Amino acid sequence: MASGSKVWTLYALGATTVAGLAARKALTTSWKVATGKQPPQNPAHPDTSFGEAVMWASVSGVAVGVARMLASRKAATYYRKSTGHLPANLEEVEV
């Protein structure tokens, strides 16, 4: 069980990291197309407009969060198909 847990941890970490990076890249490209300029490097910088900072923080947070969640779900599905059960931290719970 311990080695399965380590495999799951590494697999999930890799999947969510790649998904987060891909989402960030896609979002940066979309931002450039939509606005004609680069996204804010640091939304907390005083020279970045408040509206632009809020929009970038909101959109990037949602996009990266959803991408990581989807990758984690896909990884859990693959893990279950490979081992016949979910990882310990994702065991079925009554809803």
PDB file of N, CA and C in Angstrom:
ATOM      1  N   MET A   1       0.815  -1.199   0.000  1.00  0.00           N
ATOM      2  CA  MET A   1       0.000   0.000   0.000  1.00  0.00           C
ATOM      3  C   MET A   1       0.856   1.258   0.000  1.00  0.00           C
ATOM      4  N   ALA A   2       1.969   1.239   0.717  1.00  0.00           N
ATOM      5  CA  ALA A   2       2.816   2.421   0.786  1.00  0.00           C
ATOM      6  C   ALA A   2       3.410   2.755  -0.575  1.00  0.00           C
ATOM      7  N   SER A   3       3.862   1.733  -1.330  1.00  0.00           N
ATOM      8  CA  SER A   3       4.429   2.018  -2.642  1.00  0.00           C
ATOM      9  C   SER A   3       3.349   2.508  -3.599  1.00  0.00           C
ATOM     10  N   GLY A   4       2.130   1.976  -3.484  1.00  0.00           N
ATOM     11  CA  GLY A   4       1.015   2.463  -4.300  1.00  0.00           C
ATOM     12  C   GLY A   4       0.711   3.913  -4.001  1.00  0.00           C
ATOM     13  N   SER A   5       0.804   4.282  -2.737  1.00  0.00           N
ATOM     14  CA  SER A   5       0.567   5.657  -2.336  1.00  0.00           C
ATOM     15  C   SER A   5       1.633   6.582  -2.925  1.00  0.00           C
ATOM     16  N   LYS A   6       2.869   6.130  -2.936  1.00  0.00           N
ATOM     17  CA  LYS A   6       3.951   6.939  -3.504  1.00  0.00           C
ATOM     18  C   LYS A   6       3.766   7.095  -5.010  1.00  0.00           C
ATOM     19  N   VAL A   7       3.373   6.010  -5.667  1.00  0.00           N
ATOM     20  CA  VAL A   7       3.132   6.071  -7.114  1.00  0.00           C
ATOM     21  C   VAL A   7       2.011   7.061  -7.398  1.00  0.00           C
ATOM     22  N   TRP A   8       0.920   6.962  -6.630  1.00  0.00           N
ATOM     23  CA  TRP A   8      -0.195   7.889  -6.822  1.00  0.00           C
ATOM     24  C   TRP A   8       0.254   9.322  -6.604  1.00  0.00           C
ATOM     25  N   THR A   9       0.995   9.591  -5.565  1.00  0.00           N
ATOM     26  CA  THR A   9       1.455  10.942  -5.262  1.00  0.00           C
ATOM     27  C   THR A   9       2.277  11.500  -6.418  1.00  0.00           C
ATOM     28  N   LEU A  10       3.213  10.719  -6.917  1.00  0.00           N
ATOM     29  CA  LEU A  10       4.057  11.176  -8.023  1.00  0.00           C
ATOM     30  C   LEU A  10       3.244  11.367  -9.297  1.00  0.00           C
ATOM     31  N   TYR A  11       2.361  10.439  -9.583  1.00  0.00           N
ATOM     32  CA  TYR A  11       1.549  10.518 -10.787  1.00  0.00           C
ATOM     33  C   TYR A  11       0.631  11.741 -10.737  1.00  0.00           C
ATOM     34  N   ALA A  12      -0.048  11.935  -9.634  1.00  0.00           N
ATOM     35  CA  ALA A  12      -0.960  13.069  -9.496  1.00  0.00           C
ATOM     36  C   ALA A  12      -0.199  14.389  -9.537  1.00  0.00           C
ATOM     37  N   LEU A  13       0.947  14.439  -8.890  1.00  0.00           N
ATOM     38  CA  LEU A  13       1.758  15.656  -8.899  1.00  0.00           C
ATOM     39  C   LEU A  13       2.187  16.002 -10.315  1.00  0.00           C
ATOM     40  N   GLY A  14       2.654  15.008 -11.055  1.00  0.00           N
ATOM     41  CA  GLY A  14       3.073  15.244 -12.436  1.00  0.00           C
ATOM     42  C   GLY A  14       1.925  15.702 -13.313  1.00  0.00           C
ATOM     43  N   ALA A  15       0.787  15.037 -13.186  1.00  0.00           N
ATOM     44  CA  ALA A  15      -0.373  15.380 -14.013  1.00  0.00           C
ATOM     45  C   ALA A  15      -0.873  16.790 -13.718  1.00  0.00           C
ATOM     46  N   THR A  16      -0.976  17.145 -12.460  1.00  0.00           N
ATOM     47  CA  THR A  16      -1.493  18.471 -12.120  1.00  0.00           C
ATOM     48  C   THR A  16      -0.495  19.573 -12.458  1.00  0.00           C
ATOM     49  N   THR A  17       0.791  19.281 -12.342  1.00  0.00           N
ATOM     50  CA  THR A  17       1.804  20.277 -12.700  1.00  0.00           C
ATOM     51  C   THR A  17       1.765  20.563 -14.200  1.00  0.00           C
ATOM     52  N   VAL A  18       1.736  19.518 -14.993  1.00  0.00           N
ATOM     53  CA  VAL A  18       1.678  19.688 -16.449  1.00  0.00           C
ATOM     54  C   VAL A  18       0.392  20.413 -16.851  1.00  0.00           C
ATOM     55  N   ALA A  19      -0.719  20.046 -16.251  1.00  0.00           N
ATOM     56  CA  ALA A  19      -1.993  20.697 -16.565  1.00  0.00           C
ATOM     57  C   ALA A  19      -1.960  22.177 -16.197  1.00  0.00           C
ATOM     58  N   GLY A  20      -1.397  22.492 -15.062  1.00  0.00           N
ATOM     59  CA  GLY A  20      -1.297  23.893 -14.645  1.00  0.00           C
ATOM     60  C   GLY A  20      -0.434  24.711 -15.587  1.00  0.00           C
ATOM     61  N   LEU A  21       0.688  24.141 -16.002  1.00  0.00           N
ATOM     62  CA  LEU A  21       1.574  24.839 -16.939  1.00  0.00           C
ATOM     63  C   LEU A  21       0.901  25.026 -18.298  1.00  0.00           C
ATOM     64  N   ALA A  22       0.219  23.993 -18.773  1.00  0.00           N
ATOM     65  CA  ALA A  22      -0.468  24.089 -20.067  1.00  0.00           C
ATOM     66  C   ALA A  22      -1.592  25.129 -20.013  1.00  0.00           C
ATOM     67  N   ALA A  23      -2.327  25.152 -18.918  1.00  0.00           N
ATOM     68  CA  ALA A  23      -3.408  26.127 -18.771  1.00  0.00           C
ATOM     69  C   ALA A  23      -2.846  27.541 -18.741  1.00  0.00           C
ATOM     70  N   ARG A  24      -1.758  27.724 -18.033  1.00  0.00           N
ATOM     71  CA  ARG A  24      -1.135  29.058 -17.948  1.00  0.00           C
ATOM     72  C   ARG A  24      -0.669  29.515 -19.335  1.00  0.00           C
ATOM     73  N   LYS A  25      -0.056  28.609 -20.098  1.00  0.00           N
ATOM     74  CA  LYS A  25       0.411  28.945 -21.441  1.00  0.00           C
ATOM     75  C   LYS A  25      -0.772  29.304 -22.344  1.00  0.00           C
ATOM     76  N   ALA A  26      -1.824  28.497 -22.313  1.00  0.00           N
ATOM     77  CA  ALA A  26      -3.004  28.765 -23.135  1.00  0.00           C
ATOM     78  C   ALA A  26      -3.659  30.086 -22.730  1.00  0.00           C
ATOM     79  N   LEU A  27      -3.712  30.353 -21.443  1.00  0.00           N
ATOM     80  CA  LEU A  27      -4.316  31.585 -20.958  1.00  0.00           C
ATOM     81  C   LEU A  27      -3.497  32.800 -21.372  1.00  0.00           C
ATOM     82  N   THR A  28      -2.182  32.699 -21.298  1.00  0.00           N
ATOM     83  CA  THR A  28      -1.309  33.804 -21.706  1.00  0.00           C
ATOM     84  C   THR A  28      -1.520  34.120 -23.186  1.00  0.00           C
ATOM     85  N   THR A  29      -1.581  33.074 -24.004  1.00  0.00           N
ATOM     86  CA  THR A  29      -1.814  33.269 -25.437  1.00  0.00           C
ATOM     87  C   THR A  29      -3.187  33.884 -25.676  1.00  0.00           C
ATOM     88  N   SER A  30      -4.203  33.399 -25.000  1.00  0.00           N
ATOM     89  CA  SER A  30      -5.559  33.941 -25.148  1.00  0.00           C
ATOM     90  C   SER A  30      -5.617  35.405 -24.721  1.00  0.00           C
ATOM     91  N   TRP A  31      -4.930  35.737 -23.646  1.00  0.00           N
ATOM     92  CA  TRP A  31      -4.909  37.108 -23.151  1.00  0.00           C
ATOM     93  C   TRP A  31      -4.296  38.039 -24.194  1.00  0.00           C
ATOM     94  N   LYS A  32      -3.180  37.589 -24.803  1.00  0.00           N
ATOM     95  CA  LYS A  32      -2.517  38.394 -25.838  1.00  0.00           C
ATOM     96  C   LYS A  32      -3.448  38.626 -27.021  1.00  0.00           C
ATOM     97  N   VAL A  33      -4.162  37.588 -27.447  1.00  0.00           N
ATOM     98  CA  VAL A  33      -5.080  37.708 -28.578  1.00  0.00           C
ATOM     99  C   VAL A  33      -6.237  38.646 -28.221  1.00  0.00           C
ATOM    100  N   ALA A  34      -6.793  38.497 -27.040  1.00  0.00           N
ATOM    101  CA  ALA A  34      -7.971  39.276 -26.643  1.00  0.00           C
ATOM    102  C   ALA A  34      -7.650  40.749 -26.367  1.00  0.00           C
ATOM    103  N   THR A  35      -6.497  41.011 -25.745  1.00  0.00           N
ATOM    104  CA  THR A  35      -6.200  42.385 -25.329  1.00  0.00           C
ATOM    105  C   THR A  35      -5.151  43.068 -26.204  1.00  0.00           C
ATOM    106  N   GLY A  36      -4.380  42.277 -26.931  1.00  0.00           N
ATOM    107  CA  GLY A  36      -3.307  42.853 -27.745  1.00  0.00           C
ATOM    108  C   GLY A  36      -2.048  43.159 -26.968  1.00  0.00           C
ATOM    109  N   LYS A  37      -1.998  42.750 -25.705  1.00  0.00           N
ATOM    110  CA  LYS A  37      -0.788  42.986 -24.908  1.00  0.00           C
ATOM    111  C   LYS A  37      -0.515  41.810 -23.980  1.00  0.00           C
ATOM    112  N   GLN A  38       0.657  41.822 -23.397  1.00  0.00           N
ATOM    113  CA  GLN A  38       1.060  40.761 -22.468  1.00  0.00           C
ATOM    114  C   GLN A  38       0.210  40.836 -21.194  1.00  0.00           C
ATOM    115  N   PRO A  39      -0.033  39.682 -20.560  1.00  0.00           N
ATOM    116  CA  PRO A  39      -0.729  39.725 -19.258  1.00  0.00           C
ATOM    117  C   PRO A  39       0.188  40.359 -18.216  1.00  0.00           C
ATOM    118  N   PRO A  40      -0.375  40.852 -17.141  1.00  0.00           N
ATOM    119  CA  PRO A  40       0.464  41.478 -16.107  1.00  0.00           C
ATOM    120  C   PRO A  40       1.467  40.477 -15.528  1.00  0.00           C
ATOM    121  N   GLN A  41       2.720  40.877 -15.459  1.00  0.00           N
ATOM    122  CA  GLN A  41       3.743  40.030 -14.857  1.00  0.00           C
ATOM    123  C   GLN A  41       3.524  39.906 -13.357  1.00  0.00           C
ATOM    124  N   ASN A  42       3.126  41.013 -12.746  1.00  0.00           N
ATOM    125  CA  ASN A  42       2.874  41.039 -11.307  1.00  0.00           C
ATOM    126  C   ASN A  42       1.636  41.899 -11.061  1.00  0.00           C
ATOM    127  N   PRO A  43       0.478  41.274 -10.895  1.00  0.00           N
ATOM    128  CA  PRO A  43      -0.751  42.049 -10.702  1.00  0.00           C
ATOM    129  C   PRO A  43      -0.710  42.966  -9.478  1.00  0.00           C
ATOM    130  N   ALA A  44       0.176  42.717  -8.531  1.00  0.00           N
ATOM    131  CA  ALA A  44       0.259  43.560  -7.338  1.00  0.00           C
ATOM    132  C   ALA A  44       1.040  44.855  -7.591  1.00  0.00           C
ATOM    133  N   HIS A  45       1.712  44.935  -8.732  1.00  0.00           N
ATOM    134  CA  HIS A  45       2.500  46.136  -9.037  1.00  0.00           C
ATOM    135  C   HIS A  45       1.583  47.342  -9.196  1.00  0.00           C
ATOM    136  N   PRO A  46       1.942  48.481  -8.602  1.00  0.00           N
ATOM    137  CA  PRO A  46       1.051  49.648  -8.645  1.00  0.00           C
ATOM    138  C   PRO A  46       0.814  50.210 -10.048  1.00  0.00           C
ATOM    139  N   ASP A  47       1.689  49.929 -11.003  1.00  0.00           N
ATOM    140  CA  ASP A  47       1.493  50.437 -12.361  1.00  0.00           C
ATOM    141  C   ASP A  47       0.499  49.595 -13.167  1.00  0.00           C
ATOM    142  N   THR A  48       0.122  48.436 -12.654  1.00  0.00           N
ATOM    143  CA  THR A  48      -0.900  47.605 -13.297  1.00  0.00           C
ATOM    144  C   THR A  48      -2.257  48.124 -12.854  1.00  0.00           C
ATOM    145  N   SER A  49      -3.149  48.357 -13.830  1.00  0.00           N
ATOM    146  CA  SER A  49      -4.467  48.885 -13.454  1.00  0.00           C
ATOM    147  C   SER A  49      -5.191  47.872 -12.568  1.00  0.00           C
ATOM    148  N   PHE A  50      -6.027  48.398 -11.688  1.00  0.00           N
ATOM    149  CA  PHE A  50      -6.753  47.530 -10.769  1.00  0.00           C
ATOM    150  C   PHE A  50      -7.633  46.546 -11.522  1.00  0.00           C
ATOM    151  N   GLY A  51      -8.347  47.023 -12.527  1.00  0.00           N
ATOM    152  CA  GLY A  51      -9.236  46.157 -13.296  1.00  0.00           C
ATOM    153  C   GLY A  51      -8.482  45.042 -13.993  1.00  0.00           C
ATOM    154  N   GLU A  52      -7.336  45.381 -14.588  1.00  0.00           N
ATOM    155  CA  GLU A  52      -6.531  44.377 -15.275  1.00  0.00           C
ATOM    156  C   GLU A  52      -5.988  43.350 -14.278  1.00  0.00           C
ATOM    157  N   ALA A  53      -5.549  43.825 -13.122  1.00  0.00           N
ATOM    158  CA  ALA A  53      -5.014  42.918 -12.098  1.00  0.00           C
ATOM    159  C   ALA A  53      -6.092  41.955 -11.600  1.00  0.00           C
ATOM    160  N   VAL A  54      -7.277  42.463 -11.343  1.00  0.00           N
ATOM    161  CA  VAL A  54      -8.372  41.620 -10.864  1.00  0.00           C
ATOM    162  C   VAL A  54      -8.785  40.618 -11.939  1.00  0.00           C
ATOM    163  N   MET A  55      -8.880  41.069 -13.176  1.00  0.00           N
ATOM    164  CA  MET A  55      -9.283  40.183 -14.258  1.00  0.00           C
ATOM    165  C   MET A  55      -8.258  39.067 -14.452  1.00  0.00           C
ATOM    166  N   TRP A  56      -6.976  39.413 -14.475  1.00  0.00           N
ATOM    167  CA  TRP A  56      -5.934  38.391 -14.665  1.00  0.00           C
ATOM    168  C   TRP A  56      -5.930  37.400 -13.511  1.00  0.00           C
ATOM    169  N   ALA A  57      -6.015  37.904 -12.283  1.00  0.00           N
ATOM    170  CA  ALA A  57      -6.014  37.016 -11.112  1.00  0.00           C
ATOM    171  C   ALA A  57      -7.221  36.077 -11.143  1.00  0.00           C
ATOM    172  N   SER A  58      -8.375  36.603 -11.487  1.00  0.00           N
ATOM    173  CA  SER A  58      -9.596  35.789 -11.525  1.00  0.00           C
ATOM    174  C   SER A  58      -9.536  34.731 -12.614  1.00  0.00           C
ATOM    175  N   VAL A  59      -9.234  35.164 -13.814  1.00  0.00           N
ATOM    176  CA  VAL A  59      -9.235  34.251 -14.953  1.00  0.00           C
ATOM    177  C   VAL A  59      -8.140  33.203 -14.814  1.00  0.00           C
ATOM    178  N   SER A  60      -6.951  33.630 -14.424  1.00  0.00           N
ATOM    179  CA  SER A  60      -5.856  32.658 -14.317  1.00  0.00           C
ATOM    180  C   SER A  60      -6.086  31.690 -13.155  1.00  0.00           C
ATOM    181  N   GLY A  61      -6.625  32.175 -12.063  1.00  0.00           N
ATOM    182  CA  GLY A  61      -6.907  31.289 -10.930  1.00  0.00           C
ATOM    183  C   GLY A  61      -7.925  30.215 -11.277  1.00  0.00           C
ATOM    184  N   VAL A  62      -8.998  30.618 -11.943  1.00  0.00           N
ATOM    185  CA  VAL A  62     -10.029  29.655 -12.337  1.00  0.00           C
ATOM    186  C   VAL A  62      -9.482  28.679 -13.368  1.00  0.00           C
ATOM    187  N   ALA A  63      -8.797  29.187 -14.391  1.00  0.00           N
ATOM    188  CA  ALA A  63      -8.292  28.314 -15.466  1.00  0.00           C
ATOM    189  C   ALA A  63      -7.304  27.281 -14.939  1.00  0.00           C
ATOM    190  N   VAL A  64      -6.355  27.719 -14.138  1.00  0.00           N
ATOM    191  CA  VAL A  64      -5.361  26.786 -13.604  1.00  0.00           C
ATOM    192  C   VAL A  64      -6.012  25.814 -12.617  1.00  0.00           C
ATOM    193  N   GLY A  65      -6.895  26.302 -11.787  1.00  0.00           N
ATOM    194  CA  GLY A  65      -7.581  25.427 -10.827  1.00  0.00           C
ATOM    195  C   GLY A  65      -8.415  24.351 -11.498  1.00  0.00           C
ATOM    196  N   VAL A  66      -9.161  24.724 -12.526  1.00  0.00           N
ATOM    197  CA  VAL A  66      -9.986  23.749 -13.241  1.00  0.00           C
ATOM    198  C   VAL A  66      -9.102  22.747 -13.982  1.00  0.00           C
ATOM    199  N   ALA A  67      -8.045  23.223 -14.621  1.00  0.00           N
ATOM    200  CA  ALA A  67      -7.143  22.314 -15.340  1.00  0.00           C
ATOM    201  C   ALA A  67      -6.511  21.305 -14.391  1.00  0.00           C
ATOM    202  N   ARG A  68      -6.083  21.755 -13.222  1.00  0.00           N
ATOM    203  CA  ARG A  68      -5.477  20.849 -12.245  1.00  0.00           C
ATOM    204  C   ARG A  68      -6.497  19.854 -11.705  1.00  0.00           C
ATOM    205  N   MET A  69      -7.727  20.314 -11.472  1.00  0.00           N
ATOM    206  CA  MET A  69      -8.773  19.411 -10.986  1.00  0.00           C
ATOM    207  C   MET A  69      -9.090  18.338 -12.025  1.00  0.00           C
ATOM    208  N   LEU A  70      -9.208  18.742 -13.284  1.00  0.00           N
ATOM    209  CA  LEU A  70      -9.484  17.773 -14.347  1.00  0.00           C
ATOM    210  C   LEU A  70      -8.349  16.761 -14.483  1.00  0.00           C
ATOM    211  N   ALA A  71      -7.107  17.237 -14.392  1.00  0.00           N
ATOM    212  CA  ALA A  71      -5.962  16.329 -14.478  1.00  0.00           C
ATOM    213  C   ALA A  71      -5.945  15.361 -13.305  1.00  0.00           C
ATOM    214  N   SER A  72      -6.271  15.836 -12.124  1.00  0.00           N
ATOM    215  CA  SER A  72      -6.302  14.981 -10.946  1.00  0.00           C
ATOM    216  C   SER A  72      -7.386  13.912 -11.078  1.00  0.00           C
ATOM    217  N   ARG A  73      -8.549  14.299 -11.599  1.00  0.00           N
ATOM    218  CA  ARG A  73      -9.630  13.329 -11.807  1.00  0.00           C
ATOM    219  C   ARG A  73      -9.233  12.279 -12.836  1.00  0.00           C
ATOM    220  N   LYS A  74      -8.588  12.719 -13.911  1.00  0.00           N
ATOM    221  CA  LYS A  74      -8.141  11.787 -14.947  1.00  0.00           C
ATOM    222  C   LYS A  74      -7.090  10.839 -14.377  1.00  0.00           C
ATOM    223  N   ALA A  75      -6.179  11.368 -13.563  1.00  0.00           N
ATOM    224  CA  ALA A  75      -5.151  10.537 -12.937  1.00  0.00           C
ATOM    225  C   ALA A  75      -5.789   9.511 -12.004  1.00  0.00           C
ATOM    226  N   ALA A  76      -6.801   9.916 -11.253  1.00  0.00           N
ATOM    227  CA  ALA A  76      -7.488   8.991 -10.344  1.00  0.00           C
ATOM    228  C   ALA A  76      -8.202   7.888 -11.121  1.00  0.00           C
ATOM    229  N   THR A  77      -8.803   8.245 -12.247  1.00  0.00           N
ATOM    230  CA  THR A  77      -9.463   7.246 -13.096  1.00  0.00           C
ATOM    231  C   THR A  77      -8.445   6.242 -13.620  1.00  0.00           C
ATOM    232  N   TYR A  78      -7.310   6.735 -14.086  1.00  0.00           N
ATOM    233  CA  TYR A  78      -6.255   5.852 -14.590  1.00  0.00           C
ATOM    234  C   TYR A  78      -5.723   4.955 -13.466  1.00  0.00           C
ATOM    235  N   TYR A  79      -5.526   5.538 -12.287  1.00  0.00           N
ATOM    236  CA  TYR A  79      -5.034   4.770 -11.143  1.00  0.00           C
ATOM    237  C   TYR A  79      -6.014   3.654 -10.796  1.00  0.00           C
ATOM    238  N   ARG A  80      -7.307   3.979 -10.777  1.00  0.00           N
ATOM    239  CA  ARG A  80      -8.325   2.974 -10.442  1.00  0.00           C
ATOM    240  C   ARG A  80      -8.350   1.855 -11.479  1.00  0.00           C
ATOM    241  N   LYS A  81      -8.230   2.204 -12.765  1.00  0.00           N
ATOM    242  CA  LYS A  81      -8.208   1.180 -13.809  1.00  0.00           C
ATOM    243  C   LYS A  81      -6.967   0.301 -13.692  1.00  0.00           C
ATOM    244  N   SER A  82      -5.861   0.886 -13.270  1.00  0.00           N
ATOM    245  CA  SER A  82      -4.603   0.141 -13.163  1.00  0.00           C
ATOM    246  C   SER A  82      -4.542  -0.752 -11.934  1.00  0.00           C
ATOM    247  N   THR A  83      -5.117  -0.290 -10.822  1.00  0.00           N
ATOM    248  CA  THR A  83      -4.973  -1.019  -9.563  1.00  0.00           C
ATOM    249  C   THR A  83      -6.266  -1.676  -9.087  1.00  0.00           C
ATOM    250  N   GLY A  84      -7.391  -1.260  -9.614  1.00  0.00           N
ATOM    251  CA  GLY A  84      -8.668  -1.813  -9.177  1.00  0.00           C
ATOM    252  C   GLY A  84      -9.284  -1.067  -8.008  1.00  0.00           C
ATOM    253  N   HIS A  85      -8.631  -0.025  -7.535  1.00  0.00           N
ATOM    254  CA  HIS A  85      -9.179   0.779  -6.439  1.00  0.00           C
ATOM    255  C   HIS A  85      -8.658   2.203  -6.544  1.00  0.00           C
ATOM    256  N   LEU A  86      -9.343   3.089  -5.854  1.00  0.00           N
ATOM    257  CA  LEU A  86      -8.896   4.476  -5.803  1.00  0.00           C
ATOM    258  C   LEU A  86      -7.749   4.620  -4.802  1.00  0.00           C
ATOM    259  N   PRO A  87      -6.955   5.668  -4.920  1.00  0.00           N
ATOM    260  CA  PRO A  87      -5.938   5.944  -3.899  1.00  0.00           C
ATOM    261  C   PRO A  87      -6.623   6.169  -2.546  1.00  0.00           C
ATOM    262  N   ALA A  88      -5.888   5.949  -1.490  1.00  0.00           N
ATOM    263  CA  ALA A  88      -6.461   6.033  -0.139  1.00  0.00           C
ATOM    264  C   ALA A  88      -7.125   7.379   0.137  1.00  0.00           C
ATOM    265  N   ASN A  89      -6.536   8.462  -0.344  1.00  0.00           N
ATOM    266  CA  ASN A  89      -7.118   9.784  -0.037  1.00  0.00           C
ATOM    267  C   ASN A  89      -8.337  10.098  -0.903  1.00  0.00           C
ATOM    268  N   LEU A  90      -8.688   9.219  -1.839  1.00  0.00           N
ATOM    269  CA  LEU A  90      -9.867   9.442  -2.671  1.00  0.00           C
ATOM    270  C   LEU A  90     -10.894   8.324  -2.547  1.00  0.00           C
ATOM    271  N   GLU A  91     -10.823   7.562  -1.475  1.00  0.00           N
ATOM    272  CA  GLU A  91     -11.766   6.460  -1.306  1.00  0.00           C
ATOM    273  C   GLU A  91     -13.199   6.993  -1.365  1.00  0.00           C
ATOM    274  N   GLU A  92     -14.083   6.133  -1.829  1.00  0.00           N
ATOM    275  CA  GLU A  92     -15.489   6.498  -1.983  1.00  0.00           C
ATOM    276  C   GLU A  92     -16.063   6.984  -0.646  1.00  0.00           C
ATOM    277  N   VAL A  93     -16.828   8.054  -0.710  1.00  0.00           N
ATOM    278  CA  VAL A  93     -17.504   8.573   0.474  1.00  0.00           C
ATOM    279  C   VAL A  93     -18.980   8.697   0.149  1.00  0.00           C
ATOM    280  N   GLU A  94     -19.795   8.555   1.166  1.00  0.00           N
ATOM    281  CA  GLU A  94     -21.237   8.704   0.984  1.00  0.00           C
ATOM    282  C   GLU A  94     -21.543  10.181   0.784  1.00  0.00           C
ATOM    283  N   VAL A  95     -22.393  10.472  -0.174  1.00  0.00           N
ATOM    284  CA  VAL A  95     -22.742  11.868  -0.455  1.00  0.00           C
ATOM    285  C   VAL A  95     -24.087  12.189   0.103  1.00  0.00           C
TER     286      VAL A  95
END
